[in-house]
Each structure stands twice: as C-alpha cells, then as structure tokens.
Amino acid sequence: MKKKINLLIVRCRSVEVMNSNKYQICSNCVMDTSDEDITFDENGVCMRCNEYKNRILPEWNYGKGHEKELEILINKIKESGKGKKYDCILGLSGGLDSSYMLHLAVKEWGLRPFVFHIDAGWNLPVAEENIKRLTDKLGVELHIEKMDWNEMREMQLAWFRTGLEMLDAPQDHAFIALIDRYSNELGVKYILNGYNVCTEVIADPTSWEKGSGPTGDGTFIKDVVKKYCKIPIKHYTYTNGFKHKFWIPYVKGVKTIKPLNLVEFTRESMIKTLADEYGYVPYGQKHFEDLITKFLEGWWQPTKFGHDIRRAQLSSLVVTGQMTREEALKVLENPPLSESESRELFSEVAKRLEITEDELKQLYELPECTTKFKSQEKLYTFGIKLYEKLGIEKRIRK
C-alpha cells in the first residue's frame, strides 16, 4: 500500500516561522513580519501602504480621469498597426487580468491583438475552457505555444532541487522570452501587459525570493539549468535583461503598456463582465488557473516557508478600497487549500513530474538554498528604481 504523506504535520511550519521573531501586522492592510524587511511608521502602518497613498494613488486615482490619455494611446496603437495583420501583442493565461484585457482590447477598443497562450503542461481545465469561451466569442485567432514537456518537467524538477522558494521561474521566463520573440518576428510596436494597480499593486516581498534571480533574467535561468538539470535543454526560449529592458523598448521601439490602469473597474466588476459576456468561470485565488502555481502558492510556500501570497493579494484589495481589513483577516483564518485539496494536488504534481510522493516530500524537506547563482539582479534593481523615479513603475516592490 502506498504510504500517505502527512500534510498535517508539515503545515505547522508556517506557524513556526511566524513565531520565530516578534510578530507584527500592518494596522491598515494585512502585510506582516513574514516579510523580514517590512517597516512600520509610528501608527503601525507599513511602508507599502504609505507608498501607495503617496506615490501611486494620486496619479492612478482608481482609474478615473484617464479617458483622454487612453484615447490617445489607442489611436497610436491603431496607427502603428496600419497595413499589418496585428497592431499589438497580448498574452492570454486564462486568468482574470489577461482575460479582461482581451475583452477591452477587442470589444471596447477595437484593437487587433496577436493573442498567444503558453501551454507548459500545467493548465487546469478551468483556464482552457475560459480561454476558449473568450476567443471563440470574440472571434480572435489563438496562437498556442506548446512547450517541450520533457524539458519543462526537468526544468521544474531542477528548481525544486535548488531549495529556492520561488519555483515558477521556468514558466514565467518562457512567457517573457516569447513576448520578446514575437515582438521581433511580427514587427508589432505595442505589447499589452495585464498588470493593474486595482488588483495587484502590492508585489510579493523581495525577502520571499531570497537567492532567486529576476524572472526575466536569462543569466539566472541558464545557471540553474546548468547546475541542476539532468538532461540537455535544447528547445527552451531565453531572453535577458539587456534585450528585454533596453534593446527591444529603446532600440526596436516596442512599447509595453499597461492600459488597465487607465480604466475604472474593480475585481468584482471584472468577474461579472466576463461571466455575463462569455460565461467565464472564476477559479478562486489569483493564479489558481495553473496546477503547479496553485500547488506552490496554495500549499508549498505557506507550509515550507511560512509565506502566504494571499497577504499581498488581499492587501492590494484593502488599500484600493475593495475589501475591508477585517474581511481580509477573516479570509486568512483558513489556509489557501483544504487538507484534502492539498493532498490531491501533492499526488497530482508528483505524478506529473514522474516522481514518487516520497521523492517530492524529500524535495520539500531540503534545507534553505545556499547556492549562489549568476544573475543580473543589480541591473534589474537599478532599472526598477529608475522606473519608479520616472513614474513608469506602478507596482510597489519591496
């Protein structure tokens, strides 16, 4: 009989982490000292809430008052696409943000996006069904980039072997790299990015990413592959910081824009619009449309590292007035996944990775990563700080 993994025992690790130092939680949102770099003012308000109030909110203004700016932007996109099949590029994950942006881009703004989706082998049915509903009704052609599963499986295992916390890098980097490739191949000058202040203004704390390089950093990705992959990776697409942050935007003139910040909406209104228009099915927690991400963010990170990504997600909704702090705290009283859901995901992930549950548990029990990886982190950090000063960066990264 197959030995069951006791998930109840390992779930206690998050409590141990919380109690290891003097605990404090922001008096305004729900970010807390699980971020070891967090600071609070004399009123117990964290630095993220103060930055939102002082830097982000005055310009964003809940998406209000940007009508003329949006009109000018849409006209520029359409003008740049004259004589071309597409006037912009849009990556569609099946998640809420990219789905809502596709709706606006096609139905409200009349754009002609090149719509692509990366199939890295971890799609959940809800994502694929939502993608089909939207693209069918909107009449857009969907371009699916199917990743080499043997390579993706090995790369995912490699990240598990590192002992790092942020293990979504193989999928995330592929997405960025393919955007760079498509922008070059298609000659399109605008990339629509679904990031928005409304639902994700507060980013995951940097202290939760110790040892990892930036997602778009091919130097970091290649070094992990070199040190931890057991088979050659031949078909994967890479990019790098210079190409993504300098060459493509400033030499090739390709602009990555975030038009959702110029529109007034809430998370609930997004869901309602998509459900009414396309029969879109909500999937619960943000990022839970993808099996590996659901497993990592719903169970692996909270229990192994004591970091609950919902704190950043809920805090974004609290500071933007879509949820009260008390409501957010109520959500956090329960774990992201039930014990039965966690056990089911644990078994499914092991099965897909073609390892035993005992082997996955051994990966879980690896100590904190001490390996040093090559990275362009300093370049990325400088770029983010520069973008903040220029008013380009609208996400709170600490």
Protein backbone atom coordinates (compact mmCIF):
# COMPACT_ATOMS: atom_id res chain seq x y z
CA MET A 1 0.00 0.00 0.00
CA LYS A 2 1.31 3.44 -0.93
CA LYS A 3 2.47 5.36 2.11
CA LYS A 4 0.50 8.59 2.65
CA ILE A 5 2.37 11.84 3.14
CA ASN A 6 1.33 13.53 6.36
CA LEU A 7 0.49 17.03 5.19
CA LEU A 8 -0.96 17.98 8.56
CA ILE A 9 2.48 17.84 10.14
CA VAL A 10 4.28 19.96 7.57
CA ARG A 11 1.52 22.57 7.63
CA CYS A 12 2.75 23.56 11.10
CA ARG A 13 5.96 25.03 9.63
CA SER A 14 4.24 28.31 8.78
CA VAL A 15 3.37 28.79 12.47
CA GLU A 16 6.98 28.12 13.47
CA VAL A 17 8.21 30.78 11.07
CA MET A 18 5.64 33.30 12.34
CA ASN A 19 6.67 32.74 15.96
CA SER A 20 10.43 32.86 15.40
CA ASN A 21 10.56 36.67 15.78
CA LYS A 22 8.41 39.35 17.35
CA TYR A 23 5.27 39.35 15.25
CA GLN A 24 3.61 42.49 13.88
CA ILE A 25 0.95 43.11 11.27
CA CYS A 26 0.17 46.37 9.49
CA SER A 27 -2.67 48.32 11.09
CA ASN A 28 -4.00 49.30 7.66
CA CYS A 29 -3.52 46.20 5.43
CA VAL A 30 -2.60 42.56 6.21
CA MET A 31 1.11 42.53 5.35
CA ASP A 32 3.13 41.31 8.30
CA THR A 33 6.57 40.32 9.57
CA SER A 34 6.60 37.17 7.47
CA ASP A 35 8.33 39.76 5.25
CA GLU A 36 11.50 40.21 7.25
CA ASP A 37 12.20 43.59 5.58
CA ILE A 38 8.87 45.21 6.44
CA THR A 39 8.90 48.51 8.34
CA PHE A 40 6.12 50.39 10.11
CA ASP A 41 5.54 54.03 10.94
CA GLU A 42 4.59 55.34 14.40
CA ASN A 43 0.95 54.38 13.72
CA GLY A 44 1.80 50.80 12.81
CA VAL A 45 1.17 51.39 9.09
CA CYS A 46 3.57 49.54 6.79
CA MET A 47 5.78 51.22 4.20
CA ARG A 48 3.73 49.72 1.33
CA CYS A 49 0.52 51.42 2.46
CA ASN A 50 2.35 54.73 2.78
CA GLU A 51 3.93 54.37 -0.65
CA TYR A 52 0.56 53.54 -2.19
CA LYS A 53 -1.01 56.61 -0.60
CA ASN A 54 1.82 58.99 -1.51
CA ARG A 55 3.16 57.70 -4.85
CA ILE A 56 0.55 55.52 -6.57
CA LEU A 57 -2.94 56.74 -5.66
CA PRO A 58 -2.62 60.42 -6.64
CA GLU A 59 -1.75 59.55 -10.24
CA TRP A 60 -3.86 56.40 -10.61
CA ASN A 61 -6.99 57.82 -8.92
CA TYR A 62 -8.84 54.48 -9.13
CA GLY A 63 -8.57 54.57 -12.93
CA LYS A 64 -10.63 57.77 -13.12
CA GLY A 65 -9.80 60.78 -15.28
CA HIS A 66 -7.62 58.97 -17.84
CA GLU A 67 -10.11 58.98 -20.72
CA LYS A 68 -8.11 61.33 -22.96
CA GLU A 69 -4.84 59.55 -22.22
CA LEU A 70 -6.44 56.21 -23.11
CA GLU A 71 -7.95 57.58 -26.31
CA ILE A 72 -4.58 58.92 -27.47
CA LEU A 73 -2.91 55.61 -26.64
CA ILE A 74 -5.48 53.51 -28.51
CA ASN A 75 -5.17 55.76 -31.56
CA LYS A 76 -1.39 55.38 -31.51
CA ILE A 77 -1.70 51.59 -31.39
CA LYS A 78 -4.13 51.54 -34.30
CA GLU A 79 -1.95 53.92 -36.34
CA SER A 80 1.16 51.80 -35.74
CA GLY A 81 -0.70 48.70 -36.96
CA LYS A 82 -1.91 50.06 -40.29
CA GLY A 83 -1.11 47.62 -43.08
CA LYS A 84 -0.30 44.86 -40.59
CA LYS A 85 -2.37 41.88 -39.52
CA TYR A 86 -1.92 42.78 -35.84
CA ASP A 87 -1.48 46.08 -34.02
CA CYS A 88 -0.47 44.68 -30.62
CA ILE A 89 0.52 41.51 -28.73
CA LEU A 90 -1.46 40.05 -25.84
CA GLY A 91 -0.51 37.03 -23.75
CA LEU A 92 -3.58 35.16 -22.50
CA SER A 93 -3.18 32.89 -19.48
CA GLY A 94 -6.86 32.29 -18.84
CA GLY A 95 -6.52 34.29 -15.64
CA LEU A 96 -8.73 37.23 -14.73
CA ASP A 97 -6.47 40.14 -15.69
CA SER A 98 -5.41 38.99 -19.15
CA SER A 99 -8.95 37.82 -19.93
CA TYR A 100 -10.45 41.20 -19.00
CA MET A 101 -7.79 43.00 -21.02
CA LEU A 102 -8.62 40.88 -24.08
CA HIS A 103 -12.29 41.79 -23.66
CA LEU A 104 -11.48 45.50 -23.52
CA ALA A 105 -8.90 45.39 -26.29
CA VAL A 106 -11.16 43.71 -28.83
CA LYS A 107 -14.73 44.62 -27.87
CA GLU A 108 -14.29 48.08 -26.34
CA TRP A 109 -11.21 49.46 -28.08
CA GLY A 110 -11.37 47.74 -31.47
CA LEU A 111 -7.77 46.54 -31.43
CA ARG A 112 -6.39 43.58 -33.41
CA PRO A 113 -4.13 41.74 -30.97
CA PHE A 114 -1.90 38.78 -31.70
CA VAL A 115 -3.19 36.56 -28.90
CA PHE A 116 -0.91 33.81 -27.65
CA HIS A 117 -1.01 31.28 -24.87
CA ILE A 118 1.82 29.20 -23.42
CA ASP A 119 0.97 25.59 -22.72
CA ALA A 120 3.67 24.49 -20.31
CA GLY A 121 1.83 21.30 -19.39
CA TRP A 122 0.23 22.62 -16.18
CA ASN A 123 -3.05 24.12 -17.41
CA LEU A 124 -6.13 23.37 -15.35
CA PRO A 125 -9.38 22.75 -17.28
CA VAL A 126 -10.92 25.99 -15.98
CA ALA A 127 -8.20 28.02 -17.71
CA GLU A 128 -8.52 26.23 -21.05
CA GLU A 129 -12.30 26.47 -21.00
CA ASN A 130 -12.24 30.20 -20.17
CA ILE A 131 -9.72 30.86 -22.95
CA LYS A 132 -11.89 29.02 -25.46
CA ARG A 133 -15.03 30.88 -24.41
CA LEU A 134 -13.39 34.28 -24.83
CA THR A 135 -11.51 33.68 -28.07
CA ASP A 136 -14.46 31.94 -29.73
CA LYS A 137 -16.95 34.69 -28.93
CA LEU A 138 -14.54 37.50 -29.75
CA GLY A 139 -13.54 35.79 -32.98
CA VAL A 140 -9.80 36.08 -32.40
CA GLU A 141 -7.24 33.52 -33.51
CA LEU A 142 -5.44 31.91 -30.59
CA HIS A 143 -1.78 31.01 -31.06
CA ILE A 144 -0.71 28.27 -28.66
CA GLU A 145 2.97 27.78 -27.91
CA LYS A 146 3.26 24.24 -26.61
CA MET A 147 6.43 23.79 -24.60
CA ASP A 148 8.56 20.65 -24.81
CA TRP A 149 7.16 18.71 -21.85
CA ASN A 150 10.30 16.63 -21.16
CA GLU A 151 12.31 19.82 -20.88
CA MET A 152 9.69 21.68 -18.84
CA ARG A 153 9.33 18.74 -16.46
CA GLU A 154 13.10 18.56 -15.98
CA MET A 155 13.40 22.32 -15.52
CA GLN A 156 10.63 22.30 -12.91
CA LEU A 157 12.39 19.48 -11.08
CA ALA A 158 15.64 21.45 -11.28
CA TRP A 159 14.02 24.37 -9.48
CA PHE A 160 12.67 22.04 -6.81
CA ARG A 161 16.20 20.65 -6.36
CA THR A 162 17.58 24.13 -5.62
CA GLY A 163 15.65 24.54 -2.39
CA LEU A 164 14.63 28.03 -3.53
CA GLU A 165 11.20 29.38 -2.67
CA MET A 166 10.15 30.94 -5.99
CA LEU A 167 9.73 27.91 -8.25
CA ASP A 168 7.56 29.28 -11.06
CA ALA A 169 10.54 30.63 -12.99
CA PRO A 170 10.56 28.10 -15.90
CA GLN A 171 7.04 29.12 -16.97
CA ASP A 172 7.39 32.81 -16.15
CA HIS A 173 10.65 33.28 -18.05
CA ALA A 174 9.26 31.44 -21.08
CA PHE A 175 6.35 33.89 -21.19
CA ILE A 176 8.66 36.93 -21.18
CA ALA A 177 11.05 35.39 -23.70
CA LEU A 178 8.24 34.55 -26.14
CA ILE A 179 6.87 38.09 -25.94
CA ASP A 180 10.31 39.34 -26.91
CA ARG A 181 10.49 36.85 -29.77
CA TYR A 182 7.02 37.63 -31.09
CA SER A 183 7.57 41.38 -30.99
CA ASN A 184 10.63 40.91 -33.21
CA GLU A 185 9.01 38.45 -35.62
CA LEU A 186 5.73 40.35 -36.06
CA GLY A 187 7.09 43.88 -36.20
CA VAL A 188 4.38 44.95 -33.75
CA LYS A 189 5.19 48.03 -31.67
CA TYR A 190 2.87 47.54 -28.68
CA ILE A 191 2.64 44.81 -26.07
CA LEU A 192 -0.40 44.83 -23.79
CA ASN A 193 0.55 43.94 -20.22
CA GLY A 194 -2.31 42.98 -17.89
CA TYR A 195 -0.70 44.34 -14.73
CA ASN A 196 -3.04 46.69 -12.88
CA VAL A 197 -2.95 48.72 -9.69
CA CYS A 198 -6.52 47.68 -8.89
CA THR A 199 -5.80 44.03 -8.05
CA GLU A 200 -2.03 43.71 -7.68
CA VAL A 201 -0.44 46.98 -6.61
CA ILE A 202 1.42 45.24 -3.78
CA ALA A 203 4.01 42.81 -5.09
CA ASP A 204 5.31 39.76 -3.26
CA PRO A 205 8.05 40.82 -0.83
CA THR A 206 11.62 40.57 -2.08
CA SER A 207 12.54 38.74 1.13
CA TRP A 208 10.35 35.85 -0.07
CA GLU A 209 12.57 35.49 -3.14
CA LYS A 210 15.97 35.11 -1.48
CA GLY A 211 18.54 33.50 -3.76
CA SER A 212 16.44 33.79 -6.90
CA GLY A 213 17.29 35.99 -9.83
CA PRO A 214 14.76 38.20 -11.65
CA THR A 215 12.19 36.23 -13.66
CA GLY A 216 13.27 37.81 -16.92
CA ASP A 217 16.96 37.23 -16.25
CA GLY A 218 18.25 34.60 -18.69
CA THR A 219 21.61 34.60 -16.90
CA PHE A 220 19.95 33.27 -13.75
CA ILE A 221 17.73 30.79 -15.62
CA LYS A 222 20.67 29.33 -17.57
CA ASP A 223 22.80 28.98 -14.43
CA VAL A 224 20.10 26.98 -12.62
CA VAL A 225 19.68 24.81 -15.72
CA LYS A 226 23.45 24.23 -15.87
CA LYS A 227 23.74 23.30 -12.20
CA TYR A 228 20.54 21.33 -11.60
CA CYS A 229 19.12 19.93 -14.85
CA LYS A 230 19.98 16.31 -15.61
CA ILE A 231 19.19 16.43 -19.34
CA PRO A 232 20.16 18.98 -22.04
CA ILE A 233 17.66 21.81 -22.52
CA LYS A 234 17.64 22.44 -26.28
CA HIS A 235 14.24 23.88 -27.22
CA TYR A 236 13.55 26.42 -24.48
CA THR A 237 13.46 30.12 -25.42
CA TYR A 238 15.55 32.54 -23.34
CA THR A 239 15.76 36.30 -23.10
CA ASN A 240 17.88 38.62 -20.96
CA GLY A 241 17.69 41.92 -19.14
CA PHE A 242 19.54 43.91 -21.80
CA LYS A 243 17.31 42.61 -24.57
CA HIS A 244 14.04 42.88 -22.65
CA LYS A 245 14.62 46.16 -20.81
CA PHE A 246 16.79 48.09 -23.29
CA TRP A 247 17.18 46.71 -26.82
CA ILE A 248 13.53 45.92 -27.54
CA PRO A 249 11.94 49.05 -25.99
CA TYR A 250 14.58 51.67 -26.82
CA VAL A 251 16.29 50.38 -29.96
CA LYS A 252 13.43 48.47 -31.59
CA GLY A 253 10.84 50.94 -30.28
CA VAL A 254 8.47 48.30 -28.88
CA LYS A 255 6.41 49.68 -26.00
CA THR A 256 4.99 47.54 -23.20
CA ILE A 257 1.89 49.31 -21.93
CA LYS A 258 -0.50 48.70 -19.04
CA PRO A 259 -3.83 50.11 -20.22
CA LEU A 260 -5.89 48.60 -17.40
CA ASN A 261 -4.51 51.37 -15.18
CA LEU A 262 -6.36 53.89 -17.35
CA VAL A 263 -9.77 52.29 -16.79
CA GLU A 264 -12.08 52.34 -13.77
CA PHE A 265 -13.09 48.87 -12.56
CA THR A 266 -12.97 46.53 -9.56
CA ARG A 267 -12.13 42.88 -9.26
CA GLU A 268 -15.80 42.04 -8.84
CA SER A 269 -16.85 44.08 -11.86
CA MET A 270 -14.21 42.29 -13.96
CA ILE A 271 -15.59 38.90 -12.95
CA LYS A 272 -19.19 39.97 -13.55
CA THR A 273 -18.45 41.39 -17.01
CA LEU A 274 -16.58 38.28 -18.12
CA ALA A 275 -19.18 35.93 -16.65
CA ASP A 276 -22.09 37.80 -18.26
CA GLU A 277 -20.42 38.24 -21.65
CA TYR A 278 -18.61 34.93 -22.08
CA GLY A 279 -19.71 32.51 -19.37
CA TYR A 280 -16.31 32.95 -17.72
CA VAL A 281 -15.88 30.74 -14.64
CA PRO A 282 -13.98 32.22 -11.65
CA TYR A 283 -11.30 29.94 -10.20
CA GLY A 284 -10.86 31.31 -6.68
CA GLN A 285 -7.48 32.61 -5.61
CA LYS A 286 -5.36 34.62 -8.04
CA HIS A 287 -3.09 32.36 -10.15
CA PHE A 288 -5.11 29.25 -9.32
CA GLU A 289 -5.82 28.61 -13.02
CA ASP A 290 -2.47 26.77 -13.24
CA LEU A 291 -1.84 23.48 -11.43
CA ILE A 292 1.81 23.97 -10.45
CA THR A 293 1.24 27.57 -9.37
CA LYS A 294 -1.82 26.57 -7.35
CA PHE A 295 0.25 23.90 -5.61
CA LEU A 296 3.19 26.20 -4.93
CA GLU A 297 1.22 29.24 -3.76
CA GLY A 298 -1.57 27.32 -2.07
CA TRP A 299 0.50 24.79 -0.14
CA TRP A 300 4.26 24.67 -0.75
CA GLN A 301 5.17 28.27 0.10
CA PRO A 302 2.83 28.71 3.10
CA THR A 303 3.86 25.46 4.77
CA LYS A 304 7.55 25.26 3.85
CA PHE A 305 8.45 28.94 4.14
CA GLY A 306 5.60 30.49 6.14
CA HIS A 307 4.74 32.89 3.31
CA ASP A 308 1.11 33.26 2.30
CA ILE A 309 0.89 35.05 -1.05
CA ARG A 310 -2.69 36.00 -0.22
CA ARG A 311 -1.33 38.69 2.11
CA ALA A 312 -0.08 40.71 -0.87
CA GLN A 313 -3.19 39.93 -2.95
CA LEU A 314 -5.64 40.81 -0.19
CA SER A 315 -3.66 43.89 0.84
CA SER A 316 -3.92 45.15 -2.73
CA LEU A 317 -7.70 44.91 -2.45
CA VAL A 318 -7.71 46.51 1.00
CA VAL A 319 -5.66 49.59 0.08
CA THR A 320 -7.68 50.13 -3.12
CA GLY A 321 -10.94 50.05 -1.14
CA GLN A 322 -12.39 46.80 -2.49
CA MET A 323 -12.24 44.92 0.79
CA THR A 324 -12.02 45.85 4.45
CA ARG A 325 -9.06 44.80 6.54
CA GLU A 326 -11.41 42.78 8.74
CA GLU A 327 -12.70 40.88 5.70
CA ALA A 328 -9.13 40.13 4.63
CA LEU A 329 -8.22 38.87 8.08
CA LYS A 330 -11.28 36.61 8.00
CA VAL A 331 -10.05 35.06 4.73
CA LEU A 332 -6.63 34.44 6.27
CA GLU A 333 -8.14 32.50 9.17
CA ASN A 334 -8.30 29.49 6.85
CA PRO A 335 -5.45 28.04 4.76
CA PRO A 336 -5.50 28.62 0.97
CA LEU A 337 -6.30 24.95 0.38
CA SER A 338 -8.10 22.35 2.45
CA GLU A 339 -6.22 19.27 3.64
CA SER A 340 -7.95 17.11 1.03
CA GLU A 341 -7.19 19.61 -1.77
CA SER A 342 -3.55 19.79 -0.67
CA ARG A 343 -3.21 16.02 -0.63
CA GLU A 344 -4.80 15.72 -4.07
CA LEU A 345 -2.50 18.36 -5.54
CA PHE A 346 0.55 16.79 -3.89
CA SER A 347 -0.23 13.47 -5.54
CA GLU A 348 -1.00 15.05 -8.92
CA VAL A 349 2.19 17.12 -9.01
CA ALA A 350 4.32 14.09 -8.13
CA LYS A 351 2.57 12.07 -10.82
CA ARG A 352 3.10 14.71 -13.50
CA LEU A 353 6.74 15.13 -12.56
CA GLU A 354 7.09 11.34 -12.77
CA ILE A 355 8.47 11.00 -9.26
CA THR A 356 7.06 9.28 -6.18
CA GLU A 357 5.30 11.18 -3.42
CA ASP A 358 8.19 10.26 -1.12
CA GLU A 359 10.61 11.87 -3.57
CA LEU A 360 8.51 15.04 -3.68
CA LYS A 361 8.46 15.08 0.13
CA GLN A 362 12.26 14.79 0.13
CA LEU A 363 12.43 17.84 -2.14
CA TYR A 364 10.10 19.65 0.26
CA GLU A 365 12.41 18.86 3.16
CA LEU A 366 15.53 20.26 1.50
CA PRO A 367 17.21 23.00 3.56
CA GLU A 368 17.20 26.64 2.53
CA CYS A 369 19.16 27.20 -0.66
CA THR A 370 22.77 28.36 -0.20
CA THR A 371 23.86 28.02 -3.83
CA LYS A 372 24.89 31.29 -5.44
CA PHE A 373 23.58 31.77 -8.97
CA LYS A 374 24.79 34.11 -11.67
CA SER A 375 22.35 36.95 -12.09
CA GLN A 376 21.78 40.44 -13.48
CA GLU A 377 19.88 41.37 -10.32
CA LYS A 378 21.76 44.66 -9.80
CA LEU A 379 20.81 45.79 -13.29
CA TYR A 380 17.15 44.94 -12.69
CA THR A 381 17.13 46.66 -9.28
CA PHE A 382 18.62 49.80 -10.80
CA GLY A 383 16.03 49.69 -13.59
CA ILE A 384 13.11 49.36 -11.17
CA LYS A 385 14.33 52.29 -9.07
CA LEU A 386 14.81 54.39 -12.20
CA TYR A 387 11.31 53.47 -13.43
CA GLU A 388 9.87 54.46 -10.04
CA LYS A 389 11.52 57.89 -10.23
CA LEU A 390 10.24 58.36 -13.78
CA GLY A 391 6.72 57.34 -12.73
CA ILE A 392 6.74 54.28 -15.02
CA GLU A 393 6.70 51.61 -12.31
CA LYS A 394 3.24 51.44 -10.71
CA ARG A 395 3.79 48.38 -8.56
CA ILE A 396 5.08 48.54 -5.00
CA ARG A 397 8.18 46.35 -4.92
CA LYS A 398 9.95 45.99 -1.56
